[in-house]
Amino acid sequence: MIHESSLLVAQISSTAASVIGLVAFVYACAAFSKLTTGRLRDAILRTALFTLVIVLGVSSMTFYHLTQNTAHEDVSELVENFWYVFMFTAFILSCFESFSIIQVGRFLEEVDMKTRDMHVKRK
């Protein structure tokens, strides 16, 4: 009984996470398409790629939980391996994305400092 209820919770939460992840990916793509070229656009592109890999991983987890303990047990094992691969890839991408966001933050800080200097010189 406890195993069945925990499996149901895993199925519902992974399905909800997949849907929310798809919405986040759509918003990241919309933000990406409205920007001009530059560092910020590259950072948002990396974020969209990271989000896509996470959504694929969570969707694999969803498919795994939906096929677990069913007649499709062989597919469940294959999808479980995809789940691990996508999550490991997402971890690596998150490291690169963090570095990218740090670079963008430094660039924006430099722009802010130059803008302040120009404002002070005008007075």
Protein backbone atom coordinates (compact mmCIF):
# COMPACT_ATOMS: atom_id res chain seq x y z
CA MET A 1 0.00 0.00 0.00
CA ILE A 2 2.76 2.45 0.91
CA HIS A 3 4.73 1.55 -2.22
CA GLU A 4 1.70 2.17 -4.44
CA SER A 5 0.95 5.55 -2.85
CA SER A 6 4.59 6.66 -3.12
CA LEU A 7 4.63 5.60 -6.77
CA LEU A 8 1.47 7.63 -7.37
CA VAL A 9 3.06 10.68 -5.72
CA ALA A 10 6.17 10.24 -7.89
CA GLN A 11 4.03 9.97 -11.03
CA ILE A 12 2.01 13.09 -10.22
CA SER A 13 4.98 15.21 -9.15
CA SER A 14 7.13 14.23 -12.13
CA THR A 15 4.27 14.95 -14.53
CA ALA A 16 3.74 18.37 -12.94
CA ALA A 17 7.48 19.08 -13.09
CA SER A 18 7.55 18.17 -16.79
CA VAL A 19 4.68 20.53 -17.59
CA ILE A 20 6.19 23.40 -15.57
CA GLY A 21 9.56 22.76 -17.21
CA LEU A 22 8.04 22.98 -20.68
CA VAL A 23 6.46 26.31 -19.75
CA ALA A 24 9.82 27.58 -18.46
CA PHE A 25 11.49 26.47 -21.69
CA VAL A 26 8.89 28.32 -23.77
CA TYR A 27 9.45 31.51 -21.75
CA ALA A 28 13.23 31.19 -22.11
CA CYS A 29 12.87 30.81 -25.89
CA ALA A 30 10.54 33.82 -26.03
CA ALA A 31 13.07 35.92 -24.11
CA PHE A 32 15.87 34.67 -26.33
CA SER A 33 14.06 35.59 -29.54
CA LYS A 34 13.49 39.20 -28.46
CA LEU A 35 17.10 40.07 -27.68
CA THR A 36 19.77 41.36 -29.97
CA THR A 37 23.17 39.76 -30.21
CA GLY A 38 25.45 40.00 -27.22
CA ARG A 39 26.44 38.42 -23.97
CA LEU A 40 22.98 38.54 -22.45
CA ARG A 41 21.49 36.71 -25.43
CA ASP A 42 24.19 34.04 -25.17
CA ALA A 43 23.45 33.62 -21.47
CA ILE A 44 19.73 33.22 -22.15
CA LEU A 45 20.50 30.71 -24.92
CA ARG A 46 22.54 28.66 -22.45
CA THR A 47 19.71 28.90 -19.93
CA ALA A 48 17.22 27.68 -22.54
CA LEU A 49 19.53 24.77 -23.43
CA PHE A 50 19.95 23.91 -19.75
CA THR A 51 16.18 24.08 -19.24
CA LEU A 52 15.60 21.81 -22.23
CA VAL A 53 18.01 19.18 -20.91
CA ILE A 54 16.40 19.36 -17.46
CA VAL A 55 12.92 19.00 -18.99
CA LEU A 56 14.07 15.99 -21.02
CA GLY A 57 15.53 14.46 -17.87
CA VAL A 58 12.41 15.05 -15.82
CA SER A 59 10.25 13.78 -18.68
CA SER A 60 12.37 10.63 -18.77
CA MET A 61 11.83 10.30 -15.03
CA THR A 62 8.09 10.77 -15.59
CA PHE A 63 8.04 8.07 -18.25
CA TYR A 64 10.07 5.81 -15.97
CA HIS A 65 7.61 6.23 -13.10
CA LEU A 66 4.62 5.72 -15.38
CA THR A 67 6.03 2.47 -16.81
CA GLN A 68 7.49 1.15 -13.56
CA ASN A 69 5.85 -2.08 -12.35
CA THR A 70 3.87 -2.48 -15.57
CA ALA A 71 4.11 -4.75 -18.58
CA HIS A 72 6.62 -2.28 -20.08
CA GLU A 73 9.35 -2.99 -17.53
CA ASP A 74 12.06 -3.31 -20.24
CA VAL A 75 11.25 0.18 -21.53
CA SER A 76 11.28 1.44 -17.95
CA GLU A 77 14.89 0.34 -17.49
CA LEU A 78 15.99 2.02 -20.72
CA VAL A 79 14.25 5.27 -19.82
CA GLU A 80 15.84 5.17 -16.37
CA ASN A 81 19.26 5.23 -18.04
CA PHE A 82 18.20 8.23 -20.16
CA TRP A 83 17.05 9.91 -16.97
CA TYR A 84 20.53 9.54 -15.42
CA VAL A 85 22.30 10.71 -18.60
CA PHE A 86 20.12 13.83 -18.91
CA MET A 87 20.54 14.73 -15.24
CA PHE A 88 24.34 14.32 -15.41
CA THR A 89 24.43 16.41 -18.60
CA ALA A 90 22.28 19.05 -16.92
CA PHE A 91 24.70 19.16 -14.00
CA ILE A 92 27.62 19.80 -16.34
CA LEU A 93 25.64 22.42 -18.27
CA SER A 94 24.68 24.17 -15.04
CA CYS A 95 28.37 24.63 -14.23
CA PHE A 96 29.01 26.28 -17.60
CA GLU A 97 25.83 28.32 -17.33
CA SER A 98 26.82 29.62 -13.90
CA PHE A 99 30.17 30.74 -15.27
CA SER A 100 28.39 32.41 -18.19
CA ILE A 101 26.01 34.28 -15.88
CA ILE A 102 28.96 35.45 -13.78
CA GLN A 103 30.57 36.84 -16.95
CA VAL A 104 27.36 38.67 -17.89
CA GLY A 105 27.07 40.07 -14.37
CA ARG A 106 30.60 41.43 -14.55
CA PHE A 107 29.89 42.96 -17.95
CA LEU A 108 26.72 44.64 -16.68
CA GLU A 109 28.60 45.91 -13.63
CA GLU A 110 31.23 47.48 -15.91
CA VAL A 111 28.51 49.14 -17.98
CA ASP A 112 26.92 50.48 -14.79
CA MET A 113 30.24 51.91 -13.59
CA LYS A 114 30.85 53.63 -16.95
CA THR A 115 27.33 55.05 -16.92
CA ARG A 116 27.84 56.44 -13.41
CA ASP A 117 31.15 57.99 -14.44
CA MET A 118 29.52 59.66 -17.42
CA HIS A 119 26.70 60.97 -15.23
CA VAL A 120 29.15 62.40 -12.67
CA LYS A 121 31.23 64.12 -15.42
CA ARG A 122 28.13 65.88 -16.78
CA LYS A 123 27.49 67.62 -13.45
